[in-house]
Protein backbone atom coordinates (compact mmCIF):
# COMPACT_ATOMS: atom_id res chain seq x y z
CA MET A 1 0.00 0.00 0.00
CA SER A 2 1.36 3.42 -0.89
CA ASP A 3 1.91 6.12 1.70
CA GLU A 4 -1.00 8.14 0.32
CA ALA A 5 -3.34 5.14 0.49
CA ARG A 6 -2.18 4.44 4.04
CA ARG A 7 -2.94 8.05 5.02
CA ARG A 8 -6.40 7.88 3.45
CA TYR A 9 -7.07 4.56 5.22
CA TRP A 10 -6.12 5.94 8.65
CA ARG A 11 -7.90 9.26 8.05
CA ARG A 12 -11.12 7.38 7.30
CA ASN A 13 -10.55 5.05 10.26
CA LEU A 14 -10.11 8.03 12.59
CA SER A 15 -13.22 9.72 11.20
CA TYR A 16 -15.21 6.54 11.92
CA LEU A 17 -13.83 6.49 15.46
CA ALA A 18 -14.58 10.18 16.02
CA GLY A 19 -18.16 9.81 14.82
CA LEU A 20 -18.87 6.67 16.83
CA LEU A 21 -17.25 8.05 19.98
CA THR A 22 -19.32 11.21 19.62
CA VAL A 23 -22.51 9.14 19.48
CA TRP A 24 -21.34 7.14 22.50
CA PHE A 25 -20.56 10.32 24.45
CA VAL A 26 -23.92 11.91 23.64
CA VAL A 27 -25.82 8.78 24.63
CA SER A 28 -23.87 7.94 27.78
CA TYR A 29 -23.15 11.43 29.13
CA GLY A 30 -25.96 13.40 27.52
CA CYS A 31 -28.86 10.98 27.94
CA GLY A 32 -27.60 9.42 31.17
CA ILE A 33 -26.55 12.61 32.99
CA LEU A 34 -27.35 15.94 31.31
CA PHE A 35 -30.83 15.27 29.95
CA VAL A 36 -31.92 12.72 32.56
CA ASP A 37 -34.67 14.91 34.05
CA GLN A 38 -36.27 15.59 30.67
CA LEU A 39 -35.97 11.95 29.60
CA ASP A 40 -37.40 10.64 32.87
CA ARG A 41 -40.75 12.09 31.83
CA ILE A 42 -40.90 9.27 29.28
CA ARG A 43 -41.54 5.87 30.86
CA LEU A 44 -39.96 2.64 29.60
CA GLY A 45 -40.83 -0.59 31.41
CA GLY A 46 -41.96 1.34 34.47
CA PHE A 47 -38.75 3.38 34.70
CA GLY A 48 -37.83 6.80 33.42
CA LEU A 49 -36.02 6.83 30.10
CA GLY A 50 -33.12 8.81 31.58
CA PHE A 51 -32.64 6.18 34.28
CA TRP A 52 -32.83 3.45 31.64
CA PHE A 53 -30.12 5.14 29.53
CA ALA A 54 -27.91 5.60 32.59
CA GLN A 55 -28.25 1.96 33.65
CA GLN A 56 -28.71 -0.06 30.45
CA GLY A 57 -29.25 1.99 27.34
CA SER A 58 -25.74 3.34 27.04
CA ILE A 59 -24.35 -0.21 27.30
CA TYR A 60 -26.67 -1.41 24.53
CA VAL A 61 -25.71 1.55 22.36
CA PHE A 62 -22.01 0.89 23.04
CA CYS A 63 -22.37 -2.76 21.92
CA LEU A 64 -24.25 -1.62 18.82
CA LEU A 65 -21.49 0.88 18.05
CA ILE A 66 -18.91 -1.91 18.26
CA LEU A 67 -20.86 -3.92 15.69
CA ILE A 68 -21.16 -0.88 13.43
CA TYR A 69 -17.41 -0.24 13.73
CA VAL A 70 -16.62 -3.85 12.80
CA ARG A 71 -18.79 -3.61 9.70
CA LEU A 72 -17.32 -0.25 8.69
CA MET A 73 -13.75 -1.48 9.16
CA ASN A 74 -14.39 -4.71 7.25
CA ARG A 75 -15.73 -2.66 4.36
CA LEU A 76 -12.76 -0.26 4.59
CA ASP A 77 -10.28 -3.14 4.68
CA ARG A 78 -11.82 -4.64 1.54
CA GLU A 79 -11.77 -1.25 -0.18
CA PHE A 80 -8.05 -0.82 0.50
CA ASP A 81 -7.33 -4.52 -0.09
CA VAL A 82 -5.97 -5.18 3.38
CA ASP A 83 -8.67 -7.56 4.55
CA GLU A 84 -7.78 -10.88 6.15
CA ARG A 85 -9.55 -12.96 3.53
CA GLY A 86 -6.62 -12.47 1.20
């Protein structure tokens, strides 16, 4: 892989990371701490939505973000012909 291709690969990888970490921060910190009072007005399974995000929702979102990152990186690896399938 050329130096320019390597730079493009890592630039795209870092942009994926930045976007996914931003979503994770907004969900975990924003929904679980900052907006908890507003979200608690909405009930989910008998509990306020803010409480649910603080206790469980942010973990579910984090696991979903891991799956999204895996799919994005597999696609990126194939695009730059560095995937493990050879």
